[in-house]
Amino acid sequence: MPAAFTLYGSFLSAPTYKVGLMLRLCGEAFDYRHVDLAKGQQKTPEFLALNRYGQVPVLVHEKLTLCQSSSILLYLAELTGKFAAGDLEERQRIGEWLFWAADRLEPGLFRSRFFERFAKPDPAVADYMRKAGEMGLGVLDGLLEGKRFLVGERPTIADIALFGVLAHMGEAKFEIANWPQIQAWWERIVALPGFALPYDLLPKFDKDGV
C-alpha cells in the first residue's frame, strides 16, 4: 500500500534532507522518488509540473503538491501537531529562525559545500562565501548559549530546518568543534528518536516505504 507521503528529491540535497528528517522524526513513512540533479531531471516538463521552480524537494500528500522545504515543514507541523509552535509567539520565533537561516546561514554553508564537492570557483568568491558561513555560524553559536533548542525547551521545526543546513557542514570543511554551543545542540538533535543523518536517511534510488 502506498505511503501517505511521496517525497521527490536527491540524497545530496540539504533541503530534501530537511523534509525527510521531519517525516522520520514524526514517525511518518514516505515513498521516495529520486531526482537526478546532475542529469537535469528537475528541469524536465514532468518535474516542472510538480514544482514550477525546478527545485527539490517536492512533497505530495493526498491531493496537495508542496514545494520549498521550510514551507513544507510548516505544513507538516500543522498537519501532525509535532514540532509545531505552542502559541502565537512561538510561531513568530520559528518563522524568524527560518527566514534568518535562508538569508544568513544557508548561502555561506551551501555554497562552500558546493565549491568543495562540485566546483572550483575563483578563490576570492570561495573565500567570501566561507567568511559568510563562518559569520552565520558565529551568530548561531552565540544565540544558542544557555538554550537547549532554538525556541524554548523542546525541539521545533526551527531546529529541524537549521540542522538540515548544518548537516553537511563537514563536507564544506567547517569544523563543528569551533562552535561549542552548536556542537552541544547538534548532539541533542542527534539524540531525538528516529533521527538519521542524510546519507542514512535518503536513498540513491526510488524506494517505497522509507
C-alpha atoms as a PDB file:
ATOM      1  CA  MET A   1       0.000   0.000   0.000  1.00  0.00           C
ATOM      2  CA  PRO A   2       1.454   3.393  -0.957  1.00  0.00           C
ATOM      3  CA  ALA A   3       2.516   5.679   1.876  1.00  0.00           C
ATOM      4  CA  ALA A   4       0.502   8.823   2.558  1.00  0.00           C
ATOM      5  CA  PHE A   5       3.502  10.936   1.518  1.00  0.00           C
ATOM      6  CA  THR A   6       5.753  10.843  -1.523  1.00  0.00           C
ATOM      7  CA  LEU A   7       8.995  12.795  -1.323  1.00  0.00           C
ATOM      8  CA  TYR A   8      10.796  13.768  -4.526  1.00  0.00           C
ATOM      9  CA  GLY A   9      14.391  14.790  -4.010  1.00  0.00           C
ATOM     10  CA  SER A  10      18.083  13.988  -4.045  1.00  0.00           C
ATOM     11  CA  PHE A  11      20.243  12.381  -1.382  1.00  0.00           C
ATOM     12  CA  LEU A  12      22.736  15.207  -1.993  1.00  0.00           C
ATOM     13  CA  SER A  13      20.177  17.930  -1.296  1.00  0.00           C
ATOM     14  CA  ALA A  14      20.081  19.546   2.135  1.00  0.00           C
ATOM     15  CA  PRO A  15      16.541  20.885   1.591  1.00  0.00           C
ATOM     16  CA  THR A  16      15.393  17.348   0.714  1.00  0.00           C
ATOM     17  CA  TYR A  17      17.025  16.116   3.904  1.00  0.00           C
ATOM     18  CA  LYS A  18      15.133  18.681   5.999  1.00  0.00           C
ATOM     19  CA  VAL A  19      11.820  17.254   4.837  1.00  0.00           C
ATOM     20  CA  GLY A  20      12.932  13.639   5.078  1.00  0.00           C
ATOM     21  CA  LEU A  21      14.198  14.232   8.617  1.00  0.00           C
ATOM     22  CA  MET A  22      10.912  15.849   9.647  1.00  0.00           C
ATOM     23  CA  LEU A  23       8.943  12.892   8.308  1.00  0.00           C
ATOM     24  CA  ARG A  24      11.259  10.435  10.058  1.00  0.00           C
ATOM     25  CA  LEU A  25      11.112  12.273  13.391  1.00  0.00           C
ATOM     26  CA  CYS A  26       7.314  12.408  13.117  1.00  0.00           C
ATOM     27  CA  GLY A  27       7.198   8.653  12.524  1.00  0.00           C
ATOM     28  CA  GLU A  28       5.648   9.117   9.071  1.00  0.00           C
ATOM     29  CA  ALA A  29       6.603   6.623   6.379  1.00  0.00           C
ATOM     30  CA  PHE A  30       7.058   8.020   2.893  1.00  0.00           C
ATOM     31  CA  ASP A  31       7.692   6.806  -0.613  1.00  0.00           C
ATOM     32  CA  TYR A  32      10.793   8.283  -2.183  1.00  0.00           C
ATOM     33  CA  ARG A  33      11.411   9.325  -5.774  1.00  0.00           C
ATOM     34  CA  HIS A  34      14.999  10.150  -6.672  1.00  0.00           C
ATOM     35  CA  VAL A  35      15.543  13.205  -8.874  1.00  0.00           C
ATOM     36  CA  ASP A  36      18.887  13.111 -10.684  1.00  0.00           C
ATOM     37  CA  LEU A  37      20.036  16.720 -10.499  1.00  0.00           C
ATOM     38  CA  ALA A  38      23.217  16.077 -12.492  1.00  0.00           C
ATOM     39  CA  LYS A  39      21.104  14.899 -15.423  1.00  0.00           C
ATOM     40  CA  GLY A  40      18.745  17.867 -15.123  1.00  0.00           C
ATOM     41  CA  GLN A  41      15.657  15.862 -14.204  1.00  0.00           C
ATOM     42  CA  GLN A  42      14.478  18.797 -12.091  1.00  0.00           C
ATOM     43  CA  LYS A  43      14.093  20.854 -15.283  1.00  0.00           C
ATOM     44  CA  THR A  44      12.032  18.345 -17.250  1.00  0.00           C
ATOM     45  CA  PRO A  45       8.392  19.145 -18.094  1.00  0.00           C
ATOM     46  CA  GLU A  46       7.297  16.239 -15.889  1.00  0.00           C
ATOM     47  CA  PHE A  47       9.051  17.616 -12.831  1.00  0.00           C
ATOM     48  CA  LEU A  48       8.141  21.233 -13.542  1.00  0.00           C
ATOM     49  CA  ALA A  49       4.515  20.112 -13.453  1.00  0.00           C
ATOM     50  CA  LEU A  50       5.182  19.213  -9.797  1.00  0.00           C
ATOM     51  CA  ASN A  51       7.363  22.203  -8.910  1.00  0.00           C
ATOM     52  CA  ARG A  52       7.273  25.317 -11.045  1.00  0.00           C
ATOM     53  CA  TYR A  53      10.642  26.410  -9.616  1.00  0.00           C
ATOM     54  CA  GLY A  54      12.504  23.361 -10.884  1.00  0.00           C
ATOM     55  CA  GLN A  55      13.966  22.550  -7.478  1.00  0.00           C
ATOM     56  CA  VAL A  56      13.898  19.727  -4.959  1.00  0.00           C
ATOM     57  CA  PRO A  57      12.234  18.793  -2.705  1.00  0.00           C
ATOM     58  CA  VAL A  58       8.628  18.188  -3.607  1.00  0.00           C
ATOM     59  CA  LEU A  59       6.236  16.515  -1.193  1.00  0.00           C
ATOM     60  CA  VAL A  60       2.977  15.017  -2.418  1.00  0.00           C
ATOM     61  CA  HIS A  61       0.307  14.413   0.210  1.00  0.00           C
ATOM     62  CA  GLU A  62      -3.123  13.303  -0.962  1.00  0.00           C
ATOM     63  CA  LYS A  63      -4.260  15.987  -3.431  1.00  0.00           C
ATOM     64  CA  LEU A  64      -1.616  18.519  -2.427  1.00  0.00           C
ATOM     65  CA  THR A  65       1.749  19.000  -4.112  1.00  0.00           C
ATOM     66  CA  LEU A  66       4.073  21.062  -1.943  1.00  0.00           C
ATOM     67  CA  CYS A  67       7.457  22.707  -2.524  1.00  0.00           C
ATOM     68  CA  GLN A  68      10.032  24.817  -0.655  1.00  0.00           C
ATOM     69  CA  SER A  69      11.406  22.930   2.330  1.00  0.00           C
ATOM     70  CA  SER A  70      10.597  25.438   5.077  1.00  0.00           C
ATOM     71  CA  SER A  71       7.043  25.799   3.827  1.00  0.00           C
ATOM     72  CA  ILE A  72       6.722  22.001   3.797  1.00  0.00           C
ATOM     73  CA  LEU A  73       7.966  21.837   7.395  1.00  0.00           C
ATOM     74  CA  LEU A  74       5.306  24.337   8.436  1.00  0.00           C
ATOM     75  CA  TYR A  75       2.663  22.227   6.704  1.00  0.00           C
ATOM     76  CA  LEU A  76       3.813  19.005   8.345  1.00  0.00           C
ATOM     77  CA  ALA A  77       3.986  20.597  11.789  1.00  0.00           C
ATOM     78  CA  GLU A  78       0.413  21.822  11.463  1.00  0.00           C
ATOM     79  CA  LEU A  79      -0.780  18.533   9.997  1.00  0.00           C
ATOM     80  CA  THR A  80       0.846  16.249  12.577  1.00  0.00           C
ATOM     81  CA  GLY A  81       0.937  18.565  15.575  1.00  0.00           C
ATOM     82  CA  LYS A  82       4.600  17.629  16.077  1.00  0.00           C
ATOM     83  CA  PHE A  83       7.491  20.083  16.349  1.00  0.00           C
ATOM     84  CA  ALA A  84       4.906  22.833  15.987  1.00  0.00           C
ATOM     85  CA  ALA A  85       4.564  26.160  17.731  1.00  0.00           C
ATOM     86  CA  GLY A  86       2.781  26.082  21.078  1.00  0.00           C
ATOM     87  CA  ASP A  87       1.384  29.592  20.766  1.00  0.00           C
ATOM     88  CA  LEU A  88       1.455  32.695  18.592  1.00  0.00           C
ATOM     89  CA  GLU A  89       4.765  33.933  19.996  1.00  0.00           C
ATOM     90  CA  GLU A  90       6.473  30.596  19.327  1.00  0.00           C
ATOM     91  CA  ARG A  91       5.089  30.631  15.798  1.00  0.00           C
ATOM     92  CA  GLN A  92       6.639  34.039  15.266  1.00  0.00           C
ATOM     93  CA  ARG A  93      10.010  32.978  16.705  1.00  0.00           C
ATOM     94  CA  ILE A  94      10.073  29.870  14.497  1.00  0.00           C
ATOM     95  CA  GLY A  95       9.373  31.999  11.442  1.00  0.00           C
ATOM     96  CA  GLU A  96      12.184  34.353  12.369  1.00  0.00           C
ATOM     97  CA  TRP A  97      14.664  31.485  12.524  1.00  0.00           C
ATOM     98  CA  LEU A  98      13.512  30.095   9.181  1.00  0.00           C
ATOM     99  CA  PHE A  99      13.890  33.431   7.421  1.00  0.00           C
ATOM    100  CA  TRP A 100      17.210  34.204   9.121  1.00  0.00           C
ATOM    101  CA  ALA A 101      18.658  30.837   8.098  1.00  0.00           C
ATOM    102  CA  ALA A 102      17.663  31.363   4.474  1.00  0.00           C
ATOM    103  CA  ASP A 103      19.258  34.805   4.473  1.00  0.00           C
ATOM    104  CA  ARG A 104      22.340  34.430   6.667  1.00  0.00           C
ATOM    105  CA  LEU A 105      23.209  30.767   7.181  1.00  0.00           C
ATOM    106  CA  GLU A 106      22.354  28.812   4.066  1.00  0.00           C
ATOM    107  CA  PRO A 107      24.231  30.841   1.423  1.00  0.00           C
ATOM    108  CA  GLY A 108      27.661  30.556   3.032  1.00  0.00           C
ATOM    109  CA  LEU A 109      27.341  26.909   4.035  1.00  0.00           C
ATOM    110  CA  PHE A 110      25.612  25.613   0.934  1.00  0.00           C
ATOM    111  CA  ARG A 111      27.921  27.385  -1.499  1.00  0.00           C
ATOM    112  CA  SER A 112      31.047  26.446   0.443  1.00  0.00           C
ATOM    113  CA  ARG A 113      29.963  22.814   0.317  1.00  0.00           C
ATOM    114  CA  PHE A 114      29.242  23.130  -3.418  1.00  0.00           C
ATOM    115  CA  PHE A 115      32.688  24.595  -4.020  1.00  0.00           C
ATOM    116  CA  GLU A 116      34.381  21.821  -2.042  1.00  0.00           C
ATOM    117  CA  ARG A 117      32.472  18.964  -3.669  1.00  0.00           C
ATOM    118  CA  PHE A 118      31.356  20.001  -7.113  1.00  0.00           C
ATOM    119  CA  ALA A 119      33.088  23.107  -8.486  1.00  0.00           C
ATOM    120  CA  LYS A 120      36.240  25.211  -8.246  1.00  0.00           C
ATOM    121  CA  PRO A 121      35.321  28.902  -8.321  1.00  0.00           C
ATOM    122  CA  ASP A 122      37.508  31.961  -8.235  1.00  0.00           C
ATOM    123  CA  PRO A 123      39.374  31.779  -4.875  1.00  0.00           C
ATOM    124  CA  ALA A 124      38.060  35.209  -3.919  1.00  0.00           C
ATOM    125  CA  VAL A 125      34.478  34.006  -4.350  1.00  0.00           C
ATOM    126  CA  ALA A 126      35.140  30.870  -2.299  1.00  0.00           C
ATOM    127  CA  ASP A 127      36.774  32.953   0.441  1.00  0.00           C
ATOM    128  CA  TYR A 128      33.835  35.378   0.512  1.00  0.00           C
ATOM    129  CA  MET A 129      31.308  32.558   0.914  1.00  0.00           C
ATOM    130  CA  ARG A 130      33.426  30.846   3.584  1.00  0.00           C
ATOM    131  CA  LYS A 131      33.555  34.046   5.606  1.00  0.00           C
ATOM    132  CA  ALA A 132      29.789  34.400   5.215  1.00  0.00           C
ATOM    133  CA  GLY A 133      29.366  30.848   6.504  1.00  0.00           C
ATOM    134  CA  GLU A 134      31.650  31.491   9.463  1.00  0.00           C
ATOM    135  CA  MET A 135      29.750  34.661  10.304  1.00  0.00           C
ATOM    136  CA  GLY A 136      26.420  32.827  10.275  1.00  0.00           C
ATOM    137  CA  LEU A 137      27.801  30.025  12.419  1.00  0.00           C
ATOM    138  CA  GLY A 138      29.191  32.549  14.869  1.00  0.00           C
ATOM    139  CA  VAL A 139      25.806  34.248  15.250  1.00  0.00           C
ATOM    140  CA  LEU A 140      24.045  30.907  15.713  1.00  0.00           C
ATOM    141  CA  ASP A 141      26.619  29.741  18.260  1.00  0.00           C
ATOM    142  CA  GLY A 142      26.156  32.899  20.308  1.00  0.00           C
ATOM    143  CA  LEU A 143      22.367  32.724  20.220  1.00  0.00           C
ATOM    144  CA  LEU A 144      22.380  29.093  21.354  1.00  0.00           C
ATOM    145  CA  GLU A 145      24.227  29.894  24.569  1.00  0.00           C
ATOM    146  CA  GLY A 146      22.061  28.902  27.522  1.00  0.00           C
ATOM    147  CA  LYS A 147      19.443  27.255  25.282  1.00  0.00           C
ATOM    148  CA  ARG A 148      18.556  23.614  24.747  1.00  0.00           C
ATOM    149  CA  PHE A 149      16.764  24.314  21.472  1.00  0.00           C
ATOM    150  CA  LEU A 150      16.166  27.341  19.301  1.00  0.00           C
ATOM    151  CA  VAL A 151      12.667  28.114  20.573  1.00  0.00           C
ATOM    152  CA  GLY A 152      12.033  27.076  24.166  1.00  0.00           C
ATOM    153  CA  GLU A 153      12.852  23.808  25.860  1.00  0.00           C
ATOM    154  CA  ARG A 154      11.681  21.425  23.157  1.00  0.00           C
ATOM    155  CA  PRO A 155      12.649  20.981  19.509  1.00  0.00           C
ATOM    156  CA  THR A 156      10.563  22.601  16.794  1.00  0.00           C
ATOM    157  CA  ILE A 157      10.759  22.782  13.033  1.00  0.00           C
ATOM    158  CA  ALA A 158      13.214  25.648  13.517  1.00  0.00           C
ATOM    159  CA  ASP A 159      15.709  23.114  14.893  1.00  0.00           C
ATOM    160  CA  ILE A 160      14.979  20.622  12.115  1.00  0.00           C
ATOM    161  CA  ALA A 161      15.380  23.271   9.418  1.00  0.00           C
ATOM    162  CA  LEU A 162      18.674  24.607  10.776  1.00  0.00           C
ATOM    163  CA  PHE A 163      20.050  21.133  11.431  1.00  0.00           C
ATOM    164  CA  GLY A 164      19.332  20.416   7.771  1.00  0.00           C
ATOM    165  CA  VAL A 165      21.547  23.362   6.870  1.00  0.00           C
ATOM    166  CA  LEU A 166      24.376  22.238   9.149  1.00  0.00           C
ATOM    167  CA  ALA A 167      24.163  18.506   8.453  1.00  0.00           C
ATOM    168  CA  HIS A 168      26.753  18.727   5.636  1.00  0.00           C
ATOM    169  CA  MET A 169      28.984  21.348   7.253  1.00  0.00           C
ATOM    170  CA  GLY A 170      31.865  18.858   7.438  1.00  0.00           C
ATOM    171  CA  GLU A 171      31.758  18.485   3.654  1.00  0.00           C
ATOM    172  CA  ALA A 172      32.120  22.263   3.476  1.00  0.00           C
ATOM    173  CA  LYS A 173      35.241  21.994   5.689  1.00  0.00           C
ATOM    174  CA  PHE A 174      33.679  23.742   8.681  1.00  0.00           C
ATOM    175  CA  GLU A 175      34.850  22.099  11.914  1.00  0.00           C
ATOM    176  CA  ILE A 176      31.930  21.929  14.348  1.00  0.00           C
ATOM    177  CA  ALA A 177      34.301  21.889  17.334  1.00  0.00           C
ATOM    178  CA  ASN A 178      34.978  25.561  16.621  1.00  0.00           C
ATOM    179  CA  TRP A 179      31.416  26.346  17.694  1.00  0.00           C
ATOM    180  CA  PRO A 180      30.817  24.579  21.036  1.00  0.00           C
ATOM    181  CA  GLN A 181      27.214  25.711  21.514  1.00  0.00           C
ATOM    182  CA  ILE A 182      26.303  24.406  18.067  1.00  0.00           C
ATOM    183  CA  GLN A 183      28.056  21.135  18.834  1.00  0.00           C
ATOM    184  CA  ALA A 184      26.086  20.664  22.066  1.00  0.00           C
ATOM    185  CA  TRP A 185      22.822  21.475  20.257  1.00  0.00           C
ATOM    186  CA  TRP A 186      23.782  19.082  17.436  1.00  0.00           C
ATOM    187  CA  GLU A 187      24.153  16.280  19.963  1.00  0.00           C
ATOM    188  CA  ARG A 188      20.674  16.973  21.356  1.00  0.00           C
ATOM    189  CA  ILE A 189      19.168  16.767  17.862  1.00  0.00           C
ATOM    190  CA  VAL A 190      21.022  13.544  17.050  1.00  0.00           C
ATOM    191  CA  ALA A 191      19.591  12.002  20.235  1.00  0.00           C
ATOM    192  CA  LEU A 192      15.959  12.515  19.114  1.00  0.00           C
ATOM    193  CA  PRO A 193      14.039   9.247  18.492  1.00  0.00           C
ATOM    194  CA  GLY A 194      14.035   8.366  14.805  1.00  0.00           C
ATOM    195  CA  PHE A 195      16.957  10.609  13.895  1.00  0.00           C
ATOM    196  CA  ALA A 196      19.123   9.706  10.890  1.00  0.00           C
ATOM    197  CA  LEU A 197      21.921  11.522   9.072  1.00  0.00           C
ATOM    198  CA  PRO A 198      21.409  12.464   5.398  1.00  0.00           C
ATOM    199  CA  TYR A 199      23.109   9.547   3.664  1.00  0.00           C
ATOM    200  CA  ASP A 200      21.492   7.067   6.041  1.00  0.00           C
ATOM    201  CA  LEU A 201      18.029   8.537   5.518  1.00  0.00           C
ATOM    202  CA  LEU A 202      17.784   9.390   1.826  1.00  0.00           C
ATOM    203  CA  PRO A 203      18.098   6.602  -0.780  1.00  0.00           C
ATOM    204  CA  LYS A 204      20.040   6.974  -4.017  1.00  0.00           C
ATOM    205  CA  PHE A 205      17.136   5.482  -5.954  1.00  0.00           C
ATOM    206  CA  ASP A 206      13.347   5.267  -5.952  1.00  0.00           C
ATOM    207  CA  LYS A 207      12.110   3.446  -2.879  1.00  0.00           C
ATOM    208  CA  ASP A 208       8.746   2.741  -1.322  1.00  0.00           C
ATOM    209  CA  GLY A 209       8.097   2.798   2.390  1.00  0.00           C
ATOM    210  CA  VAL A 210      11.185   4.631   3.606  1.00  0.00           C
END
